[in-house]
All heavy atoms as atom14 arrays in JSON, in Angstrom:
{
  "sequence": "LSELVTNAMRYGQGPVVGVRLYGTASHLCIEVT",
  "atom14_mask": [
    [1, 1, 1, 1, 1, 1, 1, 1, 0, 0, 0, 0, 0, 0],
    [1, 1, 1, 1, 1, 1, 0, 0, 0, 0, 0, 0, 0, 0],
    [1, 1, 1, 1, 1, 1, 1, 1, 1, 0, 0, 0, 0, 0],
    [1, 1, 1, 1, 1, 1, 1, 1, 0, 0, 0, 0, 0, 0],
    [1, 1, 1, 1, 1, 1, 1, 0, 0, 0, 0, 0, 0, 0],
    [1, 1, 1, 1, 1, 1, 1, 0, 0, 0, 0, 0, 0, 0],
    [1, 1, 1, 1, 1, 1, 1, 1, 0, 0, 0, 0, 0, 0],
    [1, 1, 1, 1, 1, 0, 0, 0, 0, 0, 0, 0, 0, 0],
    [1, 1, 1, 1, 1, 1, 1, 1, 0, 0, 0, 0, 0, 0],
    [1, 1, 1, 1, 1, 1, 1, 1, 1, 1, 1, 0, 0, 0],
    [1, 1, 1, 1, 1, 1, 1, 1, 1, 1, 1, 1, 0, 0],
    [1, 1, 1, 1, 0, 0, 0, 0, 0, 0, 0, 0, 0, 0],
    [1, 1, 1, 1, 1, 1, 1, 1, 1, 0, 0, 0, 0, 0],
    [1, 1, 1, 1, 0, 0, 0, 0, 0, 0, 0, 0, 0, 0],
    [1, 1, 1, 1, 1, 1, 1, 0, 0, 0, 0, 0, 0, 0],
    [1, 1, 1, 1, 1, 1, 1, 0, 0, 0, 0, 0, 0, 0],
    [1, 1, 1, 1, 1, 1, 1, 0, 0, 0, 0, 0, 0, 0],
    [1, 1, 1, 1, 0, 0, 0, 0, 0, 0, 0, 0, 0, 0],
    [1, 1, 1, 1, 1, 1, 1, 0, 0, 0, 0, 0, 0, 0],
    [1, 1, 1, 1, 1, 1, 1, 1, 1, 1, 1, 0, 0, 0],
    [1, 1, 1, 1, 1, 1, 1, 1, 0, 0, 0, 0, 0, 0],
    [1, 1, 1, 1, 1, 1, 1, 1, 1, 1, 1, 1, 0, 0],
    [1, 1, 1, 1, 0, 0, 0, 0, 0, 0, 0, 0, 0, 0],
    [1, 1, 1, 1, 1, 1, 1, 0, 0, 0, 0, 0, 0, 0],
    [1, 1, 1, 1, 1, 0, 0, 0, 0, 0, 0, 0, 0, 0],
    [1, 1, 1, 1, 1, 1, 0, 0, 0, 0, 0, 0, 0, 0],
    [1, 1, 1, 1, 1, 1, 1, 1, 1, 1, 0, 0, 0, 0],
    [1, 1, 1, 1, 1, 1, 1, 1, 0, 0, 0, 0, 0, 0],
    [1, 1, 1, 1, 1, 1, 0, 0, 0, 0, 0, 0, 0, 0],
    [1, 1, 1, 1, 1, 1, 1, 1, 0, 0, 0, 0, 0, 0],
    [1, 1, 1, 1, 1, 1, 1, 1, 1, 0, 0, 0, 0, 0],
    [1, 1, 1, 1, 1, 1, 1, 0, 0, 0, 0, 0, 0, 0],
    [1, 1, 1, 1, 1, 1, 1, 0, 0, 0, 0, 0, 0, 0]
  ],
  "atom14_positions": [
    [[264.67, 314.26, 221.08], [265.03, 315.59, 220.6], [264.85, 315.68, 219.09], [264.26, 316.63, 218.56], [266.48, 315.93, 220.95], [266.76, 316.42, 222.36], [268.26, 316.44, 222.62], [266.16, 317.8, 222.59], [0.0, 0.0, 0.0], [0.0, 0.0, 0.0], [0.0, 0.0, 0.0], [0.0, 0.0, 0.0], [0.0, 0.0, 0.0], [0.0, 0.0, 0.0]],
    [[265.37, 314.7, 218.37], [265.31, 314.69, 216.92], [263.87, 314.73, 216.42], [263.52, 315.51, 215.54], [266.03, 313.46, 216.38], [265.99, 313.45, 214.99], [0.0, 0.0, 0.0], [0.0, 0.0, 0.0], [0.0, 0.0, 0.0], [0.0, 0.0, 0.0], [0.0, 0.0, 0.0], [0.0, 0.0, 0.0], [0.0, 0.0, 0.0], [0.0, 0.0, 0.0]],
    [[263.02, 313.89, 216.97], [261.63, 313.82, 216.53], [260.87, 315.1, 216.85], [260.14, 315.62, 216.01], [260.93, 312.61, 217.14], [261.5, 311.28, 216.71], [261.49, 311.07, 215.2], [260.61, 311.63, 214.5], [262.35, 310.33, 214.69], [0.0, 0.0, 0.0], [0.0, 0.0, 0.0], [0.0, 0.0, 0.0], [0.0, 0.0, 0.0], [0.0, 0.0, 0.0]],
    [[261.04, 315.63, 218.05], [260.31, 316.83, 218.44], [260.79, 318.06, 217.67], [259.98, 318.9, 217.26], [260.4, 317.06, 219.95], [259.71, 315.99, 220.82], [259.91, 316.3, 222.29], [258.24, 315.84, 220.48], [0.0, 0.0, 0.0], [0.0, 0.0, 0.0], [0.0, 0.0, 0.0], [0.0, 0.0, 0.0], [0.0, 0.0, 0.0], [0.0, 0.0, 0.0]],
    [[262.09, 318.17, 217.45], [262.62, 319.31, 216.7], [262.21, 319.2, 215.23], [261.83, 320.2, 214.61], [264.15, 319.43, 216.86], [264.73, 320.46, 215.89], [264.5, 319.81, 218.3], [0.0, 0.0, 0.0], [0.0, 0.0, 0.0], [0.0, 0.0, 0.0], [0.0, 0.0, 0.0], [0.0, 0.0, 0.0], [0.0, 0.0, 0.0], [0.0, 0.0, 0.0]],
    [[262.24, 318.01, 214.66], [261.8, 317.83, 213.27], [260.34, 318.26, 213.12], [259.99, 318.99, 212.18], [261.98, 316.37, 212.82], [263.37, 316.05, 212.87], [261.45, 316.14, 211.42], [0.0, 0.0, 0.0], [0.0, 0.0, 0.0], [0.0, 0.0, 0.0], [0.0, 0.0, 0.0], [0.0, 0.0, 0.0], [0.0, 0.0, 0.0], [0.0, 0.0, 0.0]],
    [[259.49, 317.82, 214.04], [258.08, 318.22, 213.97], [257.93, 319.73, 214.09], [257.13, 320.34, 213.38], [257.28, 317.53, 215.08], [256.97, 316.09, 214.77], [257.23, 315.61, 213.67], [256.43, 315.38, 215.75], [0.0, 0.0, 0.0], [0.0, 0.0, 0.0], [0.0, 0.0, 0.0], [0.0, 0.0, 0.0], [0.0, 0.0, 0.0], [0.0, 0.0, 0.0]],
    [[258.69, 320.35, 214.99], [258.6, 321.8, 215.17], [259.04, 322.53, 213.91], [258.42, 323.52, 213.49], [259.45, 322.24, 216.37], [0.0, 0.0, 0.0], [0.0, 0.0, 0.0], [0.0, 0.0, 0.0], [0.0, 0.0, 0.0], [0.0, 0.0, 0.0], [0.0, 0.0, 0.0], [0.0, 0.0, 0.0], [0.0, 0.0, 0.0], [0.0, 0.0, 0.0]],
    [[260.11, 322.06, 213.28], [260.57, 322.68, 212.05], [259.55, 322.51, 210.92], [259.31, 323.42, 210.14], [261.91, 322.09, 211.6], [263.08, 322.51, 212.45], [263.36, 324.27, 212.27], [264.92, 324.43, 213.06], [0.0, 0.0, 0.0], [0.0, 0.0, 0.0], [0.0, 0.0, 0.0], [0.0, 0.0, 0.0], [0.0, 0.0, 0.0], [0.0, 0.0, 0.0]],
    [[258.95, 321.36, 210.85], [258.02, 321.05, 209.75], [256.65, 321.7, 209.96], [256.05, 322.19, 209.01], [257.87, 319.54, 209.61], [257.02, 319.14, 208.42], [257.09, 317.66, 208.13], [258.41, 317.16, 207.9], [259.1, 317.27, 206.76], [258.59, 317.92, 205.76], [260.3, 316.75, 206.65], [0.0, 0.0, 0.0], [0.0, 0.0, 0.0], [0.0, 0.0, 0.0]],
    [[256.13, 321.7, 211.18], [254.76, 322.12, 211.41], [254.61, 323.4, 212.22], [253.52, 323.94, 212.32], [253.97, 321.0, 212.1], [254.01, 319.71, 211.33], [254.7, 318.61, 211.81], [253.37, 319.61, 210.1], [254.76, 317.43, 211.09], [253.42, 318.43, 209.36], [254.11, 317.34, 209.87], [254.16, 316.18, 209.15], [0.0, 0.0, 0.0], [0.0, 0.0, 0.0]],
    [[255.7, 323.89, 212.81], [255.63, 325.09, 213.63], [255.43, 326.35, 212.82], [255.61, 326.36, 211.6], [0.0, 0.0, 0.0], [0.0, 0.0, 0.0], [0.0, 0.0, 0.0], [0.0, 0.0, 0.0], [0.0, 0.0, 0.0], [0.0, 0.0, 0.0], [0.0, 0.0, 0.0], [0.0, 0.0, 0.0], [0.0, 0.0, 0.0], [0.0, 0.0, 0.0]],
    [[255.06, 327.42, 213.52], [254.77, 328.66, 212.84], [255.66, 329.82, 213.28], [255.67, 330.84, 212.62], [253.31, 329.04, 213.06], [252.36, 328.06, 212.44], [250.92, 328.41, 212.71], [250.61, 329.43, 213.29], [250.02, 327.53, 212.3], [0.0, 0.0, 0.0], [0.0, 0.0, 0.0], [0.0, 0.0, 0.0], [0.0, 0.0, 0.0], [0.0, 0.0, 0.0]],
    [[256.34, 329.69, 214.36], [257.14, 330.8, 214.86], [258.43, 330.99, 214.1], [258.88, 330.11, 213.37], [0.0, 0.0, 0.0], [0.0, 0.0, 0.0], [0.0, 0.0, 0.0], [0.0, 0.0, 0.0], [0.0, 0.0, 0.0], [0.0, 0.0, 0.0], [0.0, 0.0, 0.0], [0.0, 0.0, 0.0], [0.0, 0.0, 0.0], [0.0, 0.0, 0.0]],
    [[259.08, 332.13, 214.3], [260.35, 332.41, 213.62], [261.51, 331.61, 214.22], [262.56, 331.48, 213.6], [260.56, 333.91, 213.85], [259.78, 334.21, 215.09], [258.61, 333.26, 215.08], [0.0, 0.0, 0.0], [0.0, 0.0, 0.0], [0.0, 0.0, 0.0], [0.0, 0.0, 0.0], [0.0, 0.0, 0.0], [0.0, 0.0, 0.0], [0.0, 0.0, 0.0]],
    [[261.31, 331.08, 215.41], [262.35, 330.27, 216.07], [261.72, 329.03, 216.67], [260.51, 328.98, 216.91], [263.1, 331.06, 217.18], [263.83, 332.25, 216.62], [262.16, 331.46, 218.29], [0.0, 0.0, 0.0], [0.0, 0.0, 0.0], [0.0, 0.0, 0.0], [0.0, 0.0, 0.0], [0.0, 0.0, 0.0], [0.0, 0.0, 0.0], [0.0, 0.0, 0.0]],
    [[262.56, 328.05, 216.91], [262.17, 326.86, 217.65], [262.97, 326.89, 218.94], [264.2, 327.0, 218.91], [262.45, 325.57, 216.85], [262.27, 324.33, 217.7], [261.56, 325.51, 215.61], [0.0, 0.0, 0.0], [0.0, 0.0, 0.0], [0.0, 0.0, 0.0], [0.0, 0.0, 0.0], [0.0, 0.0, 0.0], [0.0, 0.0, 0.0], [0.0, 0.0, 0.0]],
    [[262.28, 326.82, 220.05], [262.95, 326.8, 221.34], [263.1, 325.38, 221.83], [262.19, 324.56, 221.68], [0.0, 0.0, 0.0], [0.0, 0.0, 0.0], [0.0, 0.0, 0.0], [0.0, 0.0, 0.0], [0.0, 0.0, 0.0], [0.0, 0.0, 0.0], [0.0, 0.0, 0.0], [0.0, 0.0, 0.0], [0.0, 0.0, 0.0], [0.0, 0.0, 0.0]],
    [[264.26, 325.06, 222.4], [264.52, 323.72, 222.92], [265.05, 323.85, 224.35], [265.99, 324.6, 224.58], [265.56, 322.96, 222.06], [265.81, 321.57, 222.63], [265.11, 322.88, 220.61], [0.0, 0.0, 0.0], [0.0, 0.0, 0.0], [0.0, 0.0, 0.0], [0.0, 0.0, 0.0], [0.0, 0.0, 0.0], [0.0, 0.0, 0.0], [0.0, 0.0, 0.0]],
    [[264.41, 323.16, 225.26], [264.89, 323.13, 226.64], [265.14, 321.67, 227.03], [264.33, 320.8, 226.74], [263.86, 323.7, 227.62], [263.67, 325.19, 227.5], [262.73, 325.72, 228.56], [263.37, 325.58, 229.86], [262.69, 325.39, 230.99], [261.38, 325.28, 230.99], [263.34, 325.29, 232.13], [0.0, 0.0, 0.0], [0.0, 0.0, 0.0], [0.0, 0.0, 0.0]],
    [[266.26, 321.44, 227.68], [266.61, 320.14, 228.22], [267.02, 320.39, 229.66], [267.96, 321.14, 229.91], [267.78, 319.54, 227.41], [268.35, 318.2, 227.87], [267.32, 317.09, 227.74], [269.6, 317.86, 227.07], [0.0, 0.0, 0.0], [0.0, 0.0, 0.0], [0.0, 0.0, 0.0], [0.0, 0.0, 0.0], [0.0, 0.0, 0.0], [0.0, 0.0, 0.0]],
    [[266.28, 319.84, 230.6], [266.59, 320.07, 232.0], [266.21, 318.85, 232.81], [265.47, 317.98, 232.34], [265.9, 321.33, 232.53], [264.4, 321.28, 232.48], [263.66, 320.84, 233.58], [263.71, 321.66, 231.34], [262.28, 320.8, 233.54], [262.33, 321.62, 231.29], [261.62, 321.2, 232.4], [260.27, 321.14, 232.35], [0.0, 0.0, 0.0], [0.0, 0.0, 0.0]],
    [[266.73, 318.77, 234.01], [266.47, 317.59, 234.79], [266.44, 317.83, 236.27], [266.84, 318.88, 236.77], [0.0, 0.0, 0.0], [0.0, 0.0, 0.0], [0.0, 0.0, 0.0], [0.0, 0.0, 0.0], [0.0, 0.0, 0.0], [0.0, 0.0, 0.0], [0.0, 0.0, 0.0], [0.0, 0.0, 0.0], [0.0, 0.0, 0.0], [0.0, 0.0, 0.0]],
    [[265.95, 316.82, 236.95], [265.96, 316.74, 238.4], [266.7, 315.45, 238.74], [267.2, 314.76, 237.85], [264.53, 316.7, 238.96], [263.92, 315.46, 238.54], [263.7, 317.87, 238.47], [0.0, 0.0, 0.0], [0.0, 0.0, 0.0], [0.0, 0.0, 0.0], [0.0, 0.0, 0.0], [0.0, 0.0, 0.0], [0.0, 0.0, 0.0], [0.0, 0.0, 0.0]],
    [[266.72, 315.1, 240.0], [267.37, 313.85, 240.39], [266.66, 312.63, 239.8], [267.28, 311.6, 239.58], [267.41, 313.74, 241.91], [0.0, 0.0, 0.0], [0.0, 0.0, 0.0], [0.0, 0.0, 0.0], [0.0, 0.0, 0.0], [0.0, 0.0, 0.0], [0.0, 0.0, 0.0], [0.0, 0.0, 0.0], [0.0, 0.0, 0.0], [0.0, 0.0, 0.0]],
    [[265.37, 312.75, 239.49], [264.62, 311.58, 239.03], [264.16, 311.63, 237.58], [263.83, 310.58, 237.02], [263.39, 311.37, 239.92], [262.54, 312.49, 239.86], [0.0, 0.0, 0.0], [0.0, 0.0, 0.0], [0.0, 0.0, 0.0], [0.0, 0.0, 0.0], [0.0, 0.0, 0.0], [0.0, 0.0, 0.0], [0.0, 0.0, 0.0], [0.0, 0.0, 0.0]],
    [[264.13, 312.81, 236.96], [263.62, 312.91, 235.59], [264.42, 313.88, 234.74], [264.99, 314.83, 235.23], [262.15, 313.37, 235.6], [261.23, 312.35, 236.13], [260.86, 312.32, 237.46], [260.62, 311.32, 235.53], [260.05, 311.3, 237.65], [259.89, 310.67, 236.5], [0.0, 0.0, 0.0], [0.0, 0.0, 0.0], [0.0, 0.0, 0.0], [0.0, 0.0, 0.0]],
    [[264.39, 313.61, 233.45], [264.97, 314.51, 232.46], [263.81, 314.96, 231.57], [263.01, 314.13, 231.12], [266.02, 313.78, 231.62], [266.87, 314.65, 230.73], [267.8, 315.51, 231.59], [267.69, 313.8, 229.81], [0.0, 0.0, 0.0], [0.0, 0.0, 0.0], [0.0, 0.0, 0.0], [0.0, 0.0, 0.0], [0.0, 0.0, 0.0], [0.0, 0.0, 0.0]],
    [[263.7, 316.26, 231.34], [262.6, 316.81, 230.57], [263.11, 317.49, 229.3], [264.16, 318.13, 229.31], [261.83, 317.84, 231.4], [261.12, 317.13, 232.89], [0.0, 0.0, 0.0], [0.0, 0.0, 0.0], [0.0, 0.0, 0.0], [0.0, 0.0, 0.0], [0.0, 0.0, 0.0], [0.0, 0.0, 0.0], [0.0, 0.0, 0.0], [0.0, 0.0, 0.0]],
    [[262.35, 317.32, 228.23], [262.62, 317.98, 226.95], [261.38, 318.78, 226.61], [260.26, 318.25, 226.66], [262.9, 316.95, 225.84], [264.11, 316.1, 226.16], [263.05, 317.65, 224.49], [264.27, 314.89, 225.24], [0.0, 0.0, 0.0], [0.0, 0.0, 0.0], [0.0, 0.0, 0.0], [0.0, 0.0, 0.0], [0.0, 0.0, 0.0], [0.0, 0.0, 0.0]],
    [[261.58, 320.05, 226.26], [260.48, 320.89, 225.81], [260.88, 321.52, 224.48], [261.99, 322.04, 224.36], [260.2, 322.02, 226.79], [259.73, 321.56, 228.15], [259.56, 322.7, 229.13], [259.86, 323.88, 228.77], [259.13, 322.43, 230.26], [0.0, 0.0, 0.0], [0.0, 0.0, 0.0], [0.0, 0.0, 0.0], [0.0, 0.0, 0.0], [0.0, 0.0, 0.0]],
    [[259.99, 321.45, 223.5], [260.25, 322.07, 222.2], [259.07, 322.98, 221.88], [257.93, 322.52, 221.8], [260.46, 321.01, 221.1], [260.67, 321.68, 219.75], [261.66, 320.12, 221.43], [0.0, 0.0, 0.0], [0.0, 0.0, 0.0], [0.0, 0.0, 0.0], [0.0, 0.0, 0.0], [0.0, 0.0, 0.0], [0.0, 0.0, 0.0], [0.0, 0.0, 0.0]],
    [[259.36, 324.27, 221.73], [258.35, 325.28, 221.46], [258.44, 325.69, 220.0], [259.53, 326.0, 219.52], [258.59, 326.51, 222.38], [258.63, 326.04, 223.73], [257.5, 327.53, 222.22], [0.0, 0.0, 0.0], [0.0, 0.0, 0.0], [0.0, 0.0, 0.0], [0.0, 0.0, 0.0], [0.0, 0.0, 0.0], [0.0, 0.0, 0.0], [0.0, 0.0, 0.0]]
  ]
}
């Protein structure tokens, strides 16, 4: 989370950074827009 959010803040272009954390029984997913 820290690395992906830092990159989004430093290199992103949008007015917001979106963060999703979700999971299934077998995996946990992180998405940073």
